[in-house]
N, C-alpha and C. Protein backbone atom coordinates (compact mmCIF):
# COMPACT_ATOMS: atom_id res chain seq x y z
N UNK A 1 46.82 68.91 72.63
CA UNK A 1 46.23 70.25 72.56
C UNK A 1 45.47 70.56 73.83
N UNK A 2 45.72 71.75 74.37
CA UNK A 2 44.96 72.25 75.55
C UNK A 2 43.95 73.25 74.98
N UNK A 3 42.71 73.08 75.32
CA UNK A 3 41.64 73.97 74.87
C UNK A 3 41.06 74.74 76.06
N UNK A 4 41.01 76.02 75.95
CA UNK A 4 40.52 76.89 77.01
C UNK A 4 39.26 77.61 76.54
N UNK A 5 38.15 77.48 77.25
CA UNK A 5 36.88 78.09 76.93
C UNK A 5 36.75 79.46 77.63
N UNK A 6 36.48 80.47 76.81
CA UNK A 6 36.25 81.82 77.35
C UNK A 6 35.09 82.45 76.70
N UNK A 7 34.50 83.46 77.36
CA UNK A 7 33.42 84.23 76.74
C UNK A 7 33.93 85.63 76.38
N UNK A 8 33.31 86.25 75.39
CA UNK A 8 33.69 87.61 74.97
C UNK A 8 33.47 88.60 76.11
N UNK A 9 34.08 89.75 75.89
CA UNK A 9 33.82 90.85 76.83
C UNK A 9 34.76 90.93 77.98
N UNK A 10 34.17 91.31 79.12
CA UNK A 10 34.99 91.62 80.30
C UNK A 10 35.81 90.44 80.81
N UNK A 11 35.20 89.23 80.81
CA UNK A 11 35.98 88.08 81.28
C UNK A 11 37.18 87.83 80.37
N UNK A 12 37.00 87.90 79.05
CA UNK A 12 38.12 87.68 78.16
C UNK A 12 39.22 88.69 78.39
N UNK A 13 38.82 89.98 78.47
CA UNK A 13 39.82 91.04 78.65
C UNK A 13 40.60 90.89 79.95
N UNK A 14 39.90 90.52 81.03
CA UNK A 14 40.53 90.46 82.35
C UNK A 14 41.32 89.13 82.50
N UNK A 15 41.07 88.17 81.60
CA UNK A 15 41.82 86.94 81.63
C UNK A 15 43.15 87.02 80.88
N UNK A 16 43.23 88.00 79.95
CA UNK A 16 44.45 88.15 79.13
C UNK A 16 45.75 88.19 79.91
N UNK A 17 45.83 89.06 81.00
CA UNK A 17 47.06 89.08 81.77
C UNK A 17 47.40 87.74 82.44
N UNK A 18 46.38 87.00 82.79
CA UNK A 18 46.59 85.68 83.46
C UNK A 18 47.11 84.70 82.35
N UNK A 19 46.56 84.75 81.18
CA UNK A 19 47.06 83.93 80.08
C UNK A 19 48.54 84.24 79.78
N UNK A 20 48.82 85.55 79.80
CA UNK A 20 50.19 86.00 79.50
C UNK A 20 51.15 85.43 80.54
N UNK A 21 50.73 85.42 81.78
CA UNK A 21 51.53 84.86 82.88
C UNK A 21 51.84 83.40 82.63
N UNK A 22 50.92 82.71 81.93
CA UNK A 22 51.11 81.27 81.62
C UNK A 22 51.79 81.10 80.27
N UNK A 23 52.22 82.21 79.67
CA UNK A 23 52.92 82.18 78.40
C UNK A 23 52.04 81.97 77.19
N UNK A 24 50.73 82.39 77.33
CA UNK A 24 49.78 82.20 76.24
C UNK A 24 49.31 83.55 75.79
N UNK A 25 49.44 83.81 74.46
CA UNK A 25 48.98 85.07 73.86
C UNK A 25 48.08 84.74 72.69
N UNK A 26 46.77 85.19 72.70
CA UNK A 26 45.84 84.87 71.60
C UNK A 26 46.37 85.54 70.30
N UNK A 27 46.10 84.82 69.20
CA UNK A 27 46.53 85.31 67.88
C UNK A 27 45.70 86.49 67.44
N UNK A 28 44.45 86.59 67.98
CA UNK A 28 43.58 87.71 67.63
C UNK A 28 42.52 87.86 68.68
N UNK A 29 41.89 89.09 68.66
CA UNK A 29 40.84 89.37 69.64
C UNK A 29 39.51 88.93 69.12
N UNK A 30 38.68 88.33 70.00
CA UNK A 30 37.35 87.79 69.55
C UNK A 30 36.44 88.87 69.09
N UNK A 31 36.59 90.09 69.63
CA UNK A 31 35.69 91.23 69.23
C UNK A 31 35.91 91.61 67.79
N UNK A 32 37.18 91.41 67.30
CA UNK A 32 37.48 91.82 65.92
C UNK A 32 37.53 90.66 64.96
N UNK A 33 37.18 89.49 65.46
CA UNK A 33 37.16 88.30 64.62
C UNK A 33 35.88 87.56 64.69
N UNK A 34 35.49 86.89 63.65
CA UNK A 34 34.30 86.08 63.62
C UNK A 34 34.60 84.62 64.01
N UNK A 35 35.88 84.31 64.19
CA UNK A 35 36.28 82.94 64.52
C UNK A 35 35.82 82.57 65.94
N UNK A 36 35.42 81.32 66.09
CA UNK A 36 35.01 80.79 67.38
C UNK A 36 36.17 79.92 67.99
N UNK A 37 37.13 79.60 67.16
CA UNK A 37 38.33 78.91 67.63
C UNK A 37 39.51 79.84 67.32
N UNK A 38 40.23 80.27 68.34
CA UNK A 38 41.30 81.21 68.16
C UNK A 38 42.64 80.58 68.58
N UNK A 39 43.60 80.67 67.69
CA UNK A 39 44.90 80.11 68.00
C UNK A 39 45.70 81.01 68.94
N UNK A 40 46.82 80.52 69.38
CA UNK A 40 47.69 81.29 70.28
C UNK A 40 49.13 81.20 69.78
N UNK A 41 50.03 81.84 70.51
CA UNK A 41 51.48 81.76 70.19
C UNK A 41 52.03 80.36 70.48
N UNK A 42 51.25 79.52 71.15
CA UNK A 42 51.68 78.16 71.46
C UNK A 42 50.89 77.16 70.59
N UNK A 43 51.62 76.24 69.96
CA UNK A 43 50.97 75.29 69.10
C UNK A 43 50.04 74.34 69.85
N UNK A 44 50.31 74.18 71.15
CA UNK A 44 49.52 73.21 71.93
C UNK A 44 48.40 73.84 72.73
N UNK A 45 48.11 75.10 72.52
CA UNK A 45 47.05 75.77 73.27
C UNK A 45 46.14 76.54 72.25
N UNK A 46 44.85 76.37 72.39
CA UNK A 46 43.88 77.11 71.59
C UNK A 46 42.76 77.62 72.54
N UNK A 47 42.07 78.68 72.06
CA UNK A 47 40.94 79.23 72.79
C UNK A 47 39.66 79.01 72.01
N UNK A 48 38.55 78.67 72.69
CA UNK A 48 37.29 78.63 72.03
C UNK A 48 36.39 79.70 72.69
N UNK A 49 35.63 80.38 71.85
CA UNK A 49 34.84 81.50 72.35
C UNK A 49 33.34 81.04 72.33
N UNK A 50 32.77 80.98 73.51
CA UNK A 50 31.40 80.53 73.69
C UNK A 50 30.62 81.50 74.59
N UNK A 51 29.31 81.32 74.67
CA UNK A 51 28.50 82.09 75.60
C UNK A 51 28.98 81.86 77.02
N UNK A 52 28.89 82.88 77.85
CA UNK A 52 29.33 82.77 79.23
C UNK A 52 28.63 81.61 79.94
N UNK A 53 27.34 81.46 79.72
CA UNK A 53 26.55 80.45 80.38
C UNK A 53 26.89 79.04 79.90
N UNK A 54 27.59 78.94 78.77
CA UNK A 54 27.95 77.64 78.19
C UNK A 54 29.38 77.16 78.56
N UNK A 55 30.19 78.05 79.13
CA UNK A 55 31.51 77.65 79.44
C UNK A 55 31.62 76.38 80.35
N UNK A 56 30.82 76.33 81.46
CA UNK A 56 30.89 75.17 82.28
C UNK A 56 30.53 73.85 81.56
N UNK A 57 29.60 73.96 80.60
CA UNK A 57 29.14 72.77 79.91
C UNK A 57 30.24 72.25 79.01
N UNK A 58 30.94 73.17 78.26
CA UNK A 58 32.02 72.74 77.39
C UNK A 58 33.15 72.08 78.20
N UNK A 59 33.44 72.62 79.39
CA UNK A 59 34.48 72.02 80.24
C UNK A 59 34.02 70.74 80.86
N UNK A 60 32.76 70.70 81.32
CA UNK A 60 32.26 69.46 81.98
C UNK A 60 32.36 68.28 81.03
N UNK A 61 31.97 68.46 79.75
CA UNK A 61 31.94 67.34 78.83
C UNK A 61 33.24 67.12 78.03
N UNK A 62 34.27 67.92 78.41
CA UNK A 62 35.59 67.67 77.83
C UNK A 62 35.83 68.30 76.49
N UNK A 63 34.93 69.12 76.01
CA UNK A 63 35.21 69.83 74.75
C UNK A 63 36.22 70.90 74.95
N UNK A 64 36.36 71.33 76.22
CA UNK A 64 37.46 72.26 76.65
C UNK A 64 38.08 71.66 77.92
N UNK A 65 39.38 71.87 78.04
CA UNK A 65 40.09 71.36 79.23
C UNK A 65 39.95 72.30 80.37
N UNK A 66 40.01 73.56 80.10
CA UNK A 66 39.90 74.61 81.12
C UNK A 66 38.92 75.70 80.65
N UNK A 67 38.52 76.55 81.60
CA UNK A 67 37.63 77.66 81.23
C UNK A 67 37.63 78.70 82.34
N UNK A 68 37.06 79.82 82.04
CA UNK A 68 36.90 80.84 83.07
C UNK A 68 35.40 81.23 83.09
N UNK A 69 34.77 81.06 84.24
CA UNK A 69 33.36 81.29 84.33
C UNK A 69 33.01 82.04 85.66
N UNK A 70 31.97 82.85 85.62
CA UNK A 70 31.50 83.58 86.77
C UNK A 70 30.86 82.65 87.78
N UNK A 71 30.98 83.02 89.06
CA UNK A 71 30.38 82.23 90.12
C UNK A 71 28.88 82.10 89.91
N UNK A 72 28.26 83.13 89.38
CA UNK A 72 26.79 83.10 89.11
C UNK A 72 26.45 81.98 88.14
N UNK A 73 27.24 81.85 87.07
CA UNK A 73 27.01 80.82 86.08
C UNK A 73 27.28 79.40 86.67
N UNK A 74 28.30 79.33 87.49
CA UNK A 74 28.67 77.99 88.06
C UNK A 74 27.62 77.54 89.01
N UNK A 75 27.07 78.44 89.80
CA UNK A 75 26.03 78.02 90.76
C UNK A 75 24.77 77.50 90.00
N UNK A 76 24.41 78.23 88.95
CA UNK A 76 23.24 77.79 88.13
C UNK A 76 23.55 76.44 87.43
N UNK A 77 24.79 76.28 87.03
CA UNK A 77 25.13 75.04 86.33
C UNK A 77 25.15 73.85 87.29
N UNK A 78 25.62 74.09 88.49
CA UNK A 78 25.71 73.03 89.51
C UNK A 78 27.13 72.52 89.74
N UNK A 79 28.02 72.78 88.79
CA UNK A 79 29.45 72.45 89.00
C UNK A 79 29.79 70.96 88.80
N UNK A 80 28.88 70.16 88.28
CA UNK A 80 29.12 68.74 88.11
C UNK A 80 30.32 68.49 87.16
N UNK A 81 31.25 67.63 87.59
CA UNK A 81 32.38 67.26 86.74
C UNK A 81 33.48 68.31 86.63
N UNK A 82 33.41 69.36 87.46
CA UNK A 82 34.32 70.45 87.32
C UNK A 82 35.22 70.57 88.60
N UNK A 83 36.48 70.81 88.34
CA UNK A 83 37.44 71.17 89.43
C UNK A 83 37.57 72.67 89.36
N UNK A 84 37.43 73.34 90.52
CA UNK A 84 37.55 74.82 90.59
C UNK A 84 38.71 75.23 91.46
N UNK A 85 39.94 75.20 90.93
CA UNK A 85 41.10 75.39 91.75
C UNK A 85 41.31 76.85 92.23
N UNK A 86 40.79 77.82 91.47
CA UNK A 86 41.09 79.22 91.81
C UNK A 86 39.93 80.16 91.60
N UNK A 87 39.70 81.01 92.57
CA UNK A 87 38.90 82.22 92.36
C UNK A 87 39.86 83.28 91.83
N UNK A 88 39.66 83.66 90.58
CA UNK A 88 40.61 84.57 89.87
C UNK A 88 40.40 86.01 90.34
N UNK A 89 39.32 86.30 91.00
CA UNK A 89 39.13 87.68 91.51
C UNK A 89 39.00 88.68 90.39
N UNK A 90 38.44 88.28 89.25
CA UNK A 90 38.23 89.19 88.13
C UNK A 90 36.75 89.25 87.77
N UNK A 91 36.37 90.22 86.94
CA UNK A 91 35.00 90.42 86.53
C UNK A 91 34.07 90.47 87.72
N UNK A 92 34.50 91.23 88.72
CA UNK A 92 33.73 91.29 89.99
C UNK A 92 32.44 92.11 89.84
N UNK A 93 31.39 91.60 90.46
CA UNK A 93 30.12 92.35 90.54
C UNK A 93 29.27 91.71 91.65
N UNK A 94 28.03 92.10 91.76
CA UNK A 94 27.19 91.61 92.82
C UNK A 94 25.84 91.14 92.25
N UNK A 95 25.31 90.07 92.80
CA UNK A 95 23.97 89.61 92.44
C UNK A 95 23.00 90.29 93.37
N UNK A 96 22.09 91.11 92.82
CA UNK A 96 21.24 91.98 93.62
C UNK A 96 19.76 91.84 93.22
N UNK A 97 18.90 92.21 94.16
CA UNK A 97 17.48 92.37 93.89
C UNK A 97 17.32 93.88 93.61
N UNK A 98 16.60 94.23 92.54
CA UNK A 98 16.40 95.59 92.18
C UNK A 98 14.90 95.82 91.80
N UNK A 99 14.42 97.02 92.13
CA UNK A 99 13.01 97.39 91.84
C UNK A 99 12.96 98.79 91.19
N UNK A 100 11.81 99.09 90.60
CA UNK A 100 11.63 100.40 90.09
C UNK A 100 11.62 101.40 91.20
N UNK A 101 12.24 102.59 90.99
CA UNK A 101 12.25 103.60 91.97
C UNK A 101 10.85 103.95 92.49
N UNK A 102 10.69 103.93 93.77
CA UNK A 102 9.32 104.27 94.35
C UNK A 102 8.57 103.02 94.75
N UNK A 103 9.00 101.87 94.35
CA UNK A 103 8.30 100.61 94.74
C UNK A 103 8.69 100.28 96.18
N UNK A 104 7.73 100.05 97.07
CA UNK A 104 8.01 99.80 98.47
C UNK A 104 8.32 98.32 98.64
N UNK A 105 9.57 97.93 98.37
CA UNK A 105 9.96 96.54 98.45
C UNK A 105 9.85 95.95 99.86
N UNK A 106 10.41 96.73 100.81
CA UNK A 106 10.42 96.28 102.23
C UNK A 106 8.96 96.15 102.72
N UNK A 107 8.11 97.04 102.34
CA UNK A 107 6.70 97.01 102.75
C UNK A 107 5.99 95.77 102.19
N UNK A 108 6.26 95.51 100.92
CA UNK A 108 5.66 94.35 100.25
C UNK A 108 6.08 93.06 100.93
N UNK A 109 7.40 92.95 101.27
CA UNK A 109 7.92 91.79 101.94
C UNK A 109 7.29 91.58 103.30
N UNK A 110 7.18 92.65 104.08
CA UNK A 110 6.63 92.62 105.43
C UNK A 110 5.16 92.25 105.39
N UNK A 111 4.47 92.66 104.37
CA UNK A 111 3.02 92.33 104.24
C UNK A 111 2.79 90.94 103.72
N UNK A 112 3.84 90.25 103.34
CA UNK A 112 3.66 88.89 102.86
C UNK A 112 3.18 88.80 101.45
N UNK A 113 3.37 89.89 100.67
CA UNK A 113 2.93 89.87 99.28
C UNK A 113 3.65 88.84 98.46
N UNK A 114 2.99 88.29 97.46
CA UNK A 114 3.61 87.35 96.54
C UNK A 114 4.20 88.21 95.43
N UNK A 115 5.49 88.13 95.26
CA UNK A 115 6.21 89.01 94.31
C UNK A 115 6.53 88.24 93.01
N UNK A 116 6.45 88.93 91.94
CA UNK A 116 6.88 88.41 90.64
C UNK A 116 8.33 88.86 90.40
N UNK A 117 9.23 87.92 90.21
CA UNK A 117 10.64 88.24 90.09
C UNK A 117 11.12 87.78 88.67
N UNK A 118 11.67 88.71 87.90
CA UNK A 118 12.21 88.38 86.61
C UNK A 118 13.74 88.17 86.76
N UNK A 119 14.29 87.08 86.24
CA UNK A 119 15.69 86.79 86.34
C UNK A 119 16.06 85.66 85.45
N UNK A 120 17.37 85.56 85.13
CA UNK A 120 17.85 84.33 84.48
C UNK A 120 18.56 83.45 85.48
N UNK A 121 18.65 83.97 86.76
CA UNK A 121 19.30 83.20 87.83
C UNK A 121 18.21 82.61 88.74
N UNK A 122 17.43 81.70 88.16
CA UNK A 122 16.23 81.23 88.87
C UNK A 122 16.56 80.43 90.12
N UNK A 123 17.60 79.58 90.01
CA UNK A 123 17.97 78.77 91.20
C UNK A 123 18.41 79.58 92.39
N UNK A 124 19.23 80.60 92.11
CA UNK A 124 19.74 81.46 93.13
C UNK A 124 18.66 82.38 93.74
N UNK A 125 17.77 82.83 92.85
CA UNK A 125 16.66 83.67 93.33
C UNK A 125 15.71 82.80 94.17
N UNK A 126 15.41 81.58 93.71
CA UNK A 126 14.50 80.74 94.55
C UNK A 126 15.09 80.49 95.90
N UNK A 127 16.39 80.17 95.94
CA UNK A 127 17.03 79.91 97.23
C UNK A 127 17.00 81.15 98.14
N UNK A 128 17.30 82.34 97.59
CA UNK A 128 17.35 83.50 98.34
C UNK A 128 16.01 83.86 98.98
N UNK A 129 14.94 83.84 98.17
CA UNK A 129 13.61 84.23 98.70
C UNK A 129 13.03 83.16 99.62
N UNK A 130 13.37 81.89 99.36
CA UNK A 130 12.91 80.83 100.24
C UNK A 130 13.49 81.01 101.63
N UNK A 131 14.82 81.35 101.71
CA UNK A 131 15.45 81.56 102.98
C UNK A 131 14.86 82.72 103.74
N UNK A 132 14.30 83.70 103.04
CA UNK A 132 13.66 84.87 103.68
C UNK A 132 12.19 84.61 103.98
N UNK A 133 11.67 83.48 103.47
CA UNK A 133 10.21 83.22 103.66
C UNK A 133 9.32 84.03 102.82
N UNK A 134 9.88 84.52 101.69
CA UNK A 134 9.07 85.36 100.74
C UNK A 134 8.57 84.49 99.63
N UNK A 135 7.27 84.60 99.34
CA UNK A 135 6.65 83.86 98.27
C UNK A 135 6.85 84.60 96.94
N UNK A 136 7.36 83.91 95.94
CA UNK A 136 7.59 84.54 94.65
C UNK A 136 7.16 83.65 93.50
N UNK A 137 6.87 84.29 92.38
CA UNK A 137 6.72 83.68 91.11
C UNK A 137 7.90 84.13 90.27
N UNK A 138 8.68 83.14 89.77
CA UNK A 138 9.84 83.45 89.04
C UNK A 138 9.57 83.47 87.50
N UNK A 139 9.99 84.52 86.88
CA UNK A 139 9.83 84.67 85.43
C UNK A 139 11.18 84.64 84.78
N UNK A 140 11.45 83.57 83.96
CA UNK A 140 12.80 83.44 83.35
C UNK A 140 12.91 84.35 82.16
N UNK A 141 13.95 85.22 82.26
CA UNK A 141 14.33 86.05 81.13
C UNK A 141 15.81 85.89 80.84
N UNK A 142 16.23 86.25 79.65
CA UNK A 142 17.62 86.05 79.26
C UNK A 142 18.35 87.34 79.00
N UNK A 143 17.59 88.44 78.96
CA UNK A 143 18.23 89.73 78.72
C UNK A 143 17.28 90.85 78.91
N UNK A 144 17.75 92.12 78.86
CA UNK A 144 16.95 93.31 79.08
C UNK A 144 16.13 93.20 80.35
N UNK A 145 16.76 92.67 81.38
CA UNK A 145 16.04 92.45 82.66
C UNK A 145 15.39 93.68 83.22
N UNK A 146 16.12 94.85 83.02
CA UNK A 146 15.63 96.10 83.63
C UNK A 146 14.27 96.54 83.06
N UNK A 147 13.92 96.01 81.92
CA UNK A 147 12.63 96.39 81.32
C UNK A 147 11.42 95.83 82.09
N UNK A 148 11.61 94.65 82.70
CA UNK A 148 10.50 93.94 83.25
C UNK A 148 9.64 94.76 84.30
N UNK A 149 10.24 95.44 85.26
CA UNK A 149 9.47 96.23 86.18
C UNK A 149 8.84 97.46 85.53
N UNK A 150 9.43 97.96 84.46
CA UNK A 150 8.96 99.18 83.86
C UNK A 150 7.68 98.96 83.04
N UNK A 151 7.47 97.73 82.60
CA UNK A 151 6.30 97.44 81.78
C UNK A 151 5.31 96.59 82.52
N UNK A 152 5.54 96.36 83.81
CA UNK A 152 4.58 95.60 84.65
C UNK A 152 4.74 94.11 84.58
N UNK A 153 5.79 93.60 83.96
CA UNK A 153 5.98 92.16 83.89
C UNK A 153 6.35 91.58 85.24
N UNK A 154 7.12 92.37 86.03
CA UNK A 154 7.61 91.89 87.31
C UNK A 154 7.64 93.00 88.32
N UNK A 155 7.62 92.61 89.64
CA UNK A 155 7.73 93.59 90.70
C UNK A 155 9.25 93.91 90.93
N UNK A 156 10.07 92.90 90.67
CA UNK A 156 11.50 93.10 90.96
C UNK A 156 12.31 92.21 90.00
N UNK A 157 13.59 92.48 89.94
CA UNK A 157 14.51 91.62 89.17
C UNK A 157 15.63 91.13 90.05
N UNK A 158 16.23 90.06 89.68
CA UNK A 158 17.46 89.56 90.32
C UNK A 158 18.48 89.52 89.16
N UNK A 159 19.53 90.37 89.28
CA UNK A 159 20.46 90.44 88.20
C UNK A 159 21.82 90.87 88.75
N UNK A 160 22.83 90.74 87.85
CA UNK A 160 24.18 91.21 88.23
C UNK A 160 24.28 92.73 88.15
N UNK A 161 24.95 93.30 89.11
CA UNK A 161 25.16 94.75 89.14
C UNK A 161 26.63 94.99 89.30
N UNK A 162 27.19 95.84 88.43
CA UNK A 162 28.58 96.20 88.52
C UNK A 162 28.70 97.63 89.05
N UNK A 163 28.51 98.64 88.19
CA UNK A 163 28.59 100.01 88.65
C UNK A 163 27.23 100.56 89.06
N UNK A 164 26.16 99.92 88.65
CA UNK A 164 24.80 100.44 88.94
C UNK A 164 24.30 101.41 87.91
N UNK A 165 25.10 101.68 86.91
CA UNK A 165 24.77 102.68 85.89
C UNK A 165 23.53 102.30 85.06
N UNK A 166 23.43 100.99 84.74
CA UNK A 166 22.25 100.53 83.94
C UNK A 166 20.98 100.63 84.75
N UNK A 167 21.07 100.28 86.01
CA UNK A 167 19.86 100.45 86.89
C UNK A 167 19.41 101.85 86.93
N UNK A 168 20.38 102.75 87.20
CA UNK A 168 20.03 104.21 87.32
C UNK A 168 19.46 104.76 86.06
N UNK A 169 20.02 104.33 84.92
CA UNK A 169 19.51 104.87 83.66
C UNK A 169 18.10 104.41 83.35
N UNK A 170 17.68 103.31 83.97
CA UNK A 170 16.33 102.80 83.77
C UNK A 170 15.42 102.98 84.98
N UNK A 171 15.80 103.92 85.84
CA UNK A 171 15.01 104.30 87.00
C UNK A 171 14.76 103.13 87.95
N UNK A 172 15.78 102.27 88.14
CA UNK A 172 15.71 101.19 89.03
C UNK A 172 16.72 101.40 90.18
N UNK A 173 16.45 100.75 91.32
CA UNK A 173 17.37 100.85 92.46
C UNK A 173 17.57 99.50 93.06
N UNK A 174 18.84 99.20 93.46
CA UNK A 174 19.15 97.91 94.13
C UNK A 174 18.68 97.97 95.56
N UNK A 175 17.91 96.93 96.02
CA UNK A 175 17.38 96.99 97.36
C UNK A 175 17.90 95.81 98.25
N UNK A 176 18.57 94.83 97.65
CA UNK A 176 19.04 93.67 98.44
C UNK A 176 20.17 93.00 97.75
N UNK A 177 21.19 92.70 98.60
CA UNK A 177 22.41 92.03 98.13
C UNK A 177 22.25 90.51 98.38
N UNK A 178 22.45 89.74 97.33
CA UNK A 178 22.39 88.28 97.46
C UNK A 178 23.75 87.70 97.64
N UNK A 179 24.72 87.97 96.74
CA UNK A 179 26.07 87.50 96.94
C UNK A 179 27.01 88.26 95.99
N UNK A 180 28.29 88.23 96.43
CA UNK A 180 29.35 88.80 95.56
C UNK A 180 29.76 87.77 94.52
N UNK A 181 30.06 88.24 93.30
CA UNK A 181 30.37 87.38 92.20
C UNK A 181 31.76 87.74 91.66
N UNK A 182 32.52 86.72 91.36
CA UNK A 182 33.78 86.89 90.60
C UNK A 182 33.94 85.67 89.74
N UNK A 183 34.96 85.69 88.88
CA UNK A 183 35.15 84.57 87.93
C UNK A 183 36.20 83.57 88.45
N UNK A 184 36.01 82.35 88.07
CA UNK A 184 36.86 81.25 88.58
C UNK A 184 37.43 80.45 87.42
N UNK A 185 38.63 79.94 87.73
CA UNK A 185 39.20 78.98 86.77
C UNK A 185 38.59 77.62 87.00
N UNK A 186 38.09 77.00 85.94
CA UNK A 186 37.51 75.66 86.08
C UNK A 186 38.26 74.69 85.16
N UNK A 187 38.38 73.43 85.60
CA UNK A 187 39.14 72.44 84.84
C UNK A 187 38.33 71.17 84.78
N UNK A 188 38.39 70.52 83.62
CA UNK A 188 37.78 69.24 83.44
C UNK A 188 38.51 68.21 84.25
N UNK A 189 37.87 67.46 85.11
CA UNK A 189 38.56 66.56 86.07
C UNK A 189 39.31 65.47 85.35
N UNK A 190 38.78 64.90 84.27
CA UNK A 190 39.50 63.87 83.52
C UNK A 190 40.75 64.48 82.83
N UNK A 191 40.62 65.67 82.27
CA UNK A 191 41.76 66.32 81.60
C UNK A 191 42.86 66.60 82.58
N UNK A 192 42.53 66.96 83.81
CA UNK A 192 43.54 67.22 84.79
C UNK A 192 44.40 66.02 85.04
N UNK A 193 43.82 64.83 85.01
CA UNK A 193 44.56 63.60 85.23
C UNK A 193 45.37 63.23 83.99
N UNK A 194 44.75 63.33 82.81
CA UNK A 194 45.40 62.90 81.58
C UNK A 194 46.48 63.89 81.05
N UNK A 195 46.24 65.17 81.33
CA UNK A 195 47.15 66.19 80.83
C UNK A 195 47.80 67.03 81.97
N UNK A 196 47.98 66.38 83.10
CA UNK A 196 48.44 67.10 84.29
C UNK A 196 49.73 67.86 84.09
N UNK A 197 50.62 67.28 83.33
CA UNK A 197 51.97 67.90 83.21
C UNK A 197 51.89 69.19 82.39
N UNK A 198 50.84 69.37 81.62
CA UNK A 198 50.68 70.66 80.90
C UNK A 198 49.65 71.61 81.57
N UNK A 199 48.66 71.01 82.23
CA UNK A 199 47.65 71.88 82.84
C UNK A 199 48.08 72.41 84.20
N UNK A 200 48.76 71.60 84.99
CA UNK A 200 49.19 72.05 86.33
C UNK A 200 50.02 73.28 86.29
N UNK A 201 51.02 73.38 85.36
CA UNK A 201 51.82 74.65 85.27
C UNK A 201 50.95 75.86 84.94
N UNK A 202 49.88 75.67 84.15
CA UNK A 202 48.97 76.79 83.86
C UNK A 202 48.25 77.25 85.13
N UNK A 203 47.77 76.26 85.90
CA UNK A 203 47.06 76.62 87.13
C UNK A 203 48.03 77.37 88.08
N UNK A 204 49.25 76.91 88.15
CA UNK A 204 50.25 77.56 89.02
C UNK A 204 50.58 78.94 88.50
N UNK A 205 50.65 79.11 87.20
CA UNK A 205 50.94 80.45 86.64
C UNK A 205 49.81 81.43 86.93
N UNK A 206 48.57 80.95 86.76
CA UNK A 206 47.40 81.79 87.09
C UNK A 206 47.47 82.15 88.60
N UNK A 207 47.76 81.21 89.43
CA UNK A 207 47.80 81.43 90.89
C UNK A 207 48.88 82.47 91.21
N UNK A 208 50.00 82.37 90.55
CA UNK A 208 51.06 83.30 90.80
C UNK A 208 50.70 84.75 90.32
N UNK A 209 50.00 84.82 89.20
CA UNK A 209 49.57 86.09 88.69
C UNK A 209 48.60 86.86 89.56
N UNK A 210 47.80 86.08 90.34
CA UNK A 210 46.82 86.71 91.20
C UNK A 210 47.32 86.74 92.68
N UNK A 211 48.59 86.29 92.88
CA UNK A 211 49.16 86.36 94.18
C UNK A 211 48.69 85.33 95.17
N UNK A 212 48.33 84.15 94.62
CA UNK A 212 47.90 83.06 95.51
C UNK A 212 49.00 82.03 95.78
């Protein structure tokens, strides 16, 4: 059995054509099902539906053979025990610093102010601000990041931005680009050796579907 870990939403939807290229069609959509294990048209392939941040952990420890995870999640995870053969170029977005409209971010940085930053990407935020020589206090949040500057919890946030619509709706503006993000195929290193004859064709099918 080949087990593939995916998260609901955009990554799942944008992975469907790649699965199809590998001859794998889910038996049902996770949005319309309460099941966490979803069968496919192939008896030897199943999908498990987990939180996006948990995909690397399931693959690392062998509960899944393959998975699709965003670069943001992989950097925070550290990538231990994972083979990352392909950048799938899907679920693209940017990791950005954003502030409430009217906040003088550049001025605060130039004056050497100590900034409070709300984010769930603490490692990447710490690395970014350290490289700039900016002193920060990091506040770990897991959701509703845009609320933090509006209620005085933080001066800025570090979060993923796709269209920028959520920032605009909450009177926030992106002020600094940290890195571009896309999703990657990840493989358990032990599974690749033990199940190479079944996993390698999948990797090649994914690669062909994205023109690599």
